[in-house]
């Protein structure tokens, strides 16, 4: 018997990593085709307060990141549509 590990087999973790990377690249390319960019943006609490004051965000959803993102999109839709 051979005590050497089989280096030709792939581990399940390696396969999962490759498939996650493949899926991430697929999503990146799909966003690019749609003209979208994925960015990380830091918001000040005062900016979240302004979204609430202007009616783009409900006060009870201020800690819900998905709702804050939707509020930012609503703000962009309303304010940037005037620029077009």
N, C-alpha and C. Protein backbone atom coordinates (compact mmCIF):
# COMPACT_ATOMS: atom_id res chain seq x y z
N UNK A 1 0.83 -1.19 0.00
CA UNK A 1 0.00 0.00 0.00
C UNK A 1 0.87 1.24 0.00
N UNK A 2 0.34 2.25 -0.62
CA UNK A 2 1.05 3.52 -0.73
C UNK A 2 0.55 4.46 0.35
N UNK A 3 1.47 5.02 1.14
CA UNK A 3 1.09 5.94 2.21
C UNK A 3 0.99 7.38 1.74
N UNK A 4 1.34 7.65 0.50
CA UNK A 4 1.28 9.00 -0.02
C UNK A 4 -0.18 9.39 -0.29
N UNK A 5 -0.58 10.64 0.05
CA UNK A 5 -1.94 11.07 -0.25
C UNK A 5 -2.15 11.21 -1.75
N UNK A 6 -3.35 11.01 -2.18
CA UNK A 6 -3.69 11.14 -3.60
C UNK A 6 -3.83 12.63 -3.93
N UNK A 7 -2.83 13.17 -4.61
CA UNK A 7 -2.82 14.60 -4.91
C UNK A 7 -3.65 14.95 -6.15
N UNK A 8 -4.12 13.94 -6.86
CA UNK A 8 -4.90 14.23 -8.06
C UNK A 8 -6.37 14.44 -7.76
N UNK A 9 -6.83 14.02 -6.59
CA UNK A 9 -8.24 14.21 -6.28
C UNK A 9 -8.48 15.64 -5.80
N UNK A 10 -9.67 16.13 -6.03
CA UNK A 10 -10.01 17.46 -5.55
C UNK A 10 -10.84 17.33 -4.30
N UNK A 11 -10.58 18.20 -3.38
CA UNK A 11 -11.35 18.17 -2.14
C UNK A 11 -12.69 18.86 -2.37
N UNK A 12 -13.71 18.50 -1.61
CA UNK A 12 -15.00 19.18 -1.75
C UNK A 12 -14.88 20.68 -1.50
N UNK A 13 -14.01 21.07 -0.57
CA UNK A 13 -13.84 22.50 -0.29
C UNK A 13 -13.27 23.22 -1.49
N UNK A 14 -12.32 22.60 -2.18
CA UNK A 14 -11.73 23.21 -3.37
C UNK A 14 -12.76 23.38 -4.47
N UNK A 15 -13.60 22.37 -4.65
CA UNK A 15 -14.64 22.44 -5.68
C UNK A 15 -15.65 23.53 -5.33
N UNK A 16 -16.01 23.63 -4.06
CA UNK A 16 -16.97 24.66 -3.63
C UNK A 16 -16.38 26.04 -3.83
N UNK A 17 -15.09 26.20 -3.55
CA UNK A 17 -14.44 27.49 -3.71
C UNK A 17 -14.45 27.91 -5.18
N UNK A 18 -14.13 26.97 -6.04
CA UNK A 18 -14.13 27.30 -7.47
C UNK A 18 -15.53 27.66 -7.95
N UNK A 19 -16.53 26.93 -7.51
CA UNK A 19 -17.88 27.22 -7.98
C UNK A 19 -18.37 28.56 -7.42
N UNK A 20 -17.99 28.91 -6.20
CA UNK A 20 -18.35 30.22 -5.64
C UNK A 20 -17.67 31.33 -6.43
N UNK A 21 -16.42 31.13 -6.77
CA UNK A 21 -15.70 32.14 -7.56
C UNK A 21 -16.32 32.27 -8.95
N UNK A 22 -16.70 31.17 -9.54
CA UNK A 22 -17.34 31.19 -10.85
C UNK A 22 -18.66 31.93 -10.79
N UNK A 23 -19.44 31.67 -9.77
CA UNK A 23 -20.74 32.34 -9.61
C UNK A 23 -20.55 33.84 -9.37
N UNK A 24 -19.55 34.21 -8.59
CA UNK A 24 -19.27 35.63 -8.33
C UNK A 24 -18.90 36.33 -9.64
N UNK A 25 -18.08 35.70 -10.47
CA UNK A 25 -17.68 36.29 -11.75
C UNK A 25 -18.88 36.39 -12.69
N UNK A 26 -19.75 35.39 -12.69
CA UNK A 26 -20.95 35.42 -13.53
C UNK A 26 -21.82 36.62 -13.15
N UNK A 27 -22.02 36.82 -11.82
CA UNK A 27 -22.83 37.96 -11.37
C UNK A 27 -22.16 39.29 -11.75
N UNK A 28 -20.85 39.36 -11.62
CA UNK A 28 -20.10 40.57 -11.99
C UNK A 28 -20.32 40.90 -13.47
N UNK A 29 -20.19 39.90 -14.32
CA UNK A 29 -20.36 40.13 -15.76
C UNK A 29 -21.79 40.51 -16.11
N UNK A 30 -22.76 39.90 -15.44
CA UNK A 30 -24.17 40.23 -15.68
C UNK A 30 -24.45 41.69 -15.28
N UNK A 31 -23.92 42.12 -14.13
CA UNK A 31 -24.09 43.52 -13.71
C UNK A 31 -23.45 44.46 -14.73
N UNK A 32 -22.27 44.11 -15.19
CA UNK A 32 -21.57 44.96 -16.16
C UNK A 32 -22.37 45.07 -17.46
N UNK A 33 -22.96 43.96 -17.92
CA UNK A 33 -23.78 44.00 -19.13
C UNK A 33 -24.98 44.93 -18.96
N UNK A 34 -25.51 44.98 -17.73
CA UNK A 34 -26.67 45.84 -17.44
C UNK A 34 -26.27 47.28 -17.15
N UNK A 35 -24.97 47.56 -17.17
CA UNK A 35 -24.50 48.91 -16.89
C UNK A 35 -24.48 49.24 -15.41
N UNK A 36 -24.44 48.22 -14.56
CA UNK A 36 -24.44 48.42 -13.11
C UNK A 36 -23.04 48.26 -12.55
N UNK A 37 -22.79 48.92 -11.44
CA UNK A 37 -21.53 48.76 -10.71
C UNK A 37 -21.86 48.45 -9.26
N UNK A 38 -21.07 47.60 -8.67
CA UNK A 38 -21.26 47.24 -7.27
C UNK A 38 -20.21 47.99 -6.45
N UNK A 39 -20.69 48.86 -5.54
CA UNK A 39 -19.80 49.69 -4.74
C UNK A 39 -20.15 49.56 -3.26
N UNK A 40 -19.18 49.79 -2.43
CA UNK A 40 -19.42 49.88 -1.00
C UNK A 40 -19.41 51.36 -0.63
N UNK A 41 -20.47 51.81 0.00
CA UNK A 41 -20.59 53.22 0.36
C UNK A 41 -20.84 53.32 1.86
N UNK A 42 -20.10 54.17 2.52
CA UNK A 42 -20.30 54.41 3.94
C UNK A 42 -21.25 55.59 4.10
N UNK A 43 -22.29 55.42 4.90
CA UNK A 43 -23.25 56.50 5.14
C UNK A 43 -23.10 56.99 6.58
N UNK A 44 -23.20 58.28 6.73
CA UNK A 44 -23.25 58.85 8.08
C UNK A 44 -24.67 58.70 8.60
N UNK A 45 -24.81 58.66 9.91
CA UNK A 45 -26.15 58.61 10.51
C UNK A 45 -26.96 59.83 10.10
N UNK A 46 -26.29 60.96 9.93
CA UNK A 46 -27.00 62.17 9.52
C UNK A 46 -27.58 62.03 8.11
N UNK A 47 -26.91 61.25 7.26
CA UNK A 47 -27.43 61.00 5.91
C UNK A 47 -28.64 60.07 5.96
N UNK A 48 -28.60 59.09 6.85
CA UNK A 48 -29.76 58.23 7.04
C UNK A 48 -30.91 59.06 7.60
N UNK A 49 -30.60 59.96 8.54
CA UNK A 49 -31.63 60.88 9.08
C UNK A 49 -32.25 61.71 7.96
N UNK A 50 -31.43 62.17 7.02
CA UNK A 50 -31.94 62.98 5.91
C UNK A 50 -32.85 62.16 5.01
N UNK A 51 -32.53 60.88 4.80
CA UNK A 51 -33.41 60.01 4.01
C UNK A 51 -34.76 59.86 4.70
N UNK A 52 -34.76 59.81 6.02
CA UNK A 52 -36.01 59.71 6.78
C UNK A 52 -36.77 61.03 6.69
N UNK A 53 -36.07 62.14 6.93
CA UNK A 53 -36.71 63.46 6.89
C UNK A 53 -37.37 63.75 5.55
N UNK A 54 -36.74 63.32 4.48
CA UNK A 54 -37.25 63.61 3.14
C UNK A 54 -38.25 62.56 2.66
N UNK A 55 -38.54 61.56 3.49
CA UNK A 55 -39.56 60.58 3.16
C UNK A 55 -39.11 59.40 2.31
N UNK A 56 -37.83 59.26 2.11
CA UNK A 56 -37.33 58.13 1.32
C UNK A 56 -37.18 56.87 2.16
N UNK A 57 -37.12 57.02 3.48
CA UNK A 57 -36.91 55.89 4.39
C UNK A 57 -37.82 56.05 5.59
N UNK A 58 -38.43 54.95 6.00
CA UNK A 58 -39.26 54.97 7.21
C UNK A 58 -38.35 54.89 8.44
N UNK A 59 -38.67 55.63 9.50
CA UNK A 59 -37.82 55.63 10.70
C UNK A 59 -37.60 54.22 11.27
N UNK A 60 -38.63 53.39 11.23
CA UNK A 60 -38.49 52.06 11.83
C UNK A 60 -37.62 51.11 11.00
N UNK A 61 -37.24 51.52 9.79
CA UNK A 61 -36.39 50.65 8.96
C UNK A 61 -34.96 51.17 8.84
N UNK A 62 -34.60 52.15 9.66
CA UNK A 62 -33.28 52.77 9.56
C UNK A 62 -32.12 51.79 9.79
N UNK A 63 -32.33 50.69 10.49
CA UNK A 63 -31.27 49.70 10.75
C UNK A 63 -31.29 48.55 9.74
N UNK A 64 -32.25 48.56 8.82
CA UNK A 64 -32.38 47.51 7.82
C UNK A 64 -31.61 47.94 6.57
N UNK A 65 -30.45 47.30 6.34
CA UNK A 65 -29.59 47.71 5.23
C UNK A 65 -30.28 47.62 3.87
N UNK A 66 -31.10 46.62 3.67
CA UNK A 66 -31.81 46.48 2.39
C UNK A 66 -32.74 47.66 2.18
N UNK A 67 -33.44 48.07 3.23
CA UNK A 67 -34.35 49.21 3.12
C UNK A 67 -33.59 50.52 2.90
N UNK A 68 -32.44 50.65 3.51
CA UNK A 68 -31.62 51.86 3.30
C UNK A 68 -31.16 51.92 1.84
N UNK A 69 -30.74 50.77 1.30
CA UNK A 69 -30.33 50.72 -0.10
C UNK A 69 -31.49 51.10 -1.02
N UNK A 70 -32.67 50.57 -0.73
CA UNK A 70 -33.85 50.92 -1.53
C UNK A 70 -34.14 52.42 -1.44
N UNK A 71 -33.97 52.99 -0.25
CA UNK A 71 -34.20 54.42 -0.07
C UNK A 71 -33.20 55.24 -0.89
N UNK A 72 -31.96 54.81 -0.92
CA UNK A 72 -30.95 55.51 -1.71
C UNK A 72 -31.32 55.43 -3.20
N UNK A 73 -31.76 54.26 -3.64
CA UNK A 73 -32.19 54.13 -5.04
C UNK A 73 -33.37 55.04 -5.35
N UNK A 74 -34.33 55.13 -4.42
CA UNK A 74 -35.46 56.04 -4.63
C UNK A 74 -34.98 57.48 -4.72
N UNK A 75 -34.06 57.84 -3.85
CA UNK A 75 -33.49 59.19 -3.88
C UNK A 75 -32.81 59.46 -5.22
N UNK A 76 -31.98 58.53 -5.67
CA UNK A 76 -31.31 58.69 -6.95
C UNK A 76 -32.31 58.79 -8.09
N UNK A 77 -33.32 57.92 -8.08
CA UNK A 77 -34.33 57.95 -9.14
C UNK A 77 -35.01 59.31 -9.21
N UNK A 78 -35.35 59.85 -8.07
CA UNK A 78 -36.06 61.13 -8.06
C UNK A 78 -35.15 62.29 -8.42
N UNK A 79 -33.97 62.33 -7.83
CA UNK A 79 -33.12 63.50 -8.02
C UNK A 79 -32.34 63.45 -9.33
N UNK A 80 -31.88 62.28 -9.74
CA UNK A 80 -31.08 62.21 -10.95
C UNK A 80 -31.93 62.19 -12.21
N UNK A 81 -33.20 61.86 -12.10
CA UNK A 81 -34.06 61.87 -13.29
C UNK A 81 -34.25 63.30 -13.78
N UNK A 82 -34.07 64.28 -12.92
CA UNK A 82 -34.20 65.69 -13.30
C UNK A 82 -33.00 66.15 -14.13
N UNK A 83 -31.88 65.42 -14.01
CA UNK A 83 -30.65 65.79 -14.69
C UNK A 83 -30.67 65.30 -16.14
N UNK A 84 -31.38 64.26 -16.41
CA UNK A 84 -31.37 63.64 -17.75
C UNK A 84 -31.84 64.55 -18.78
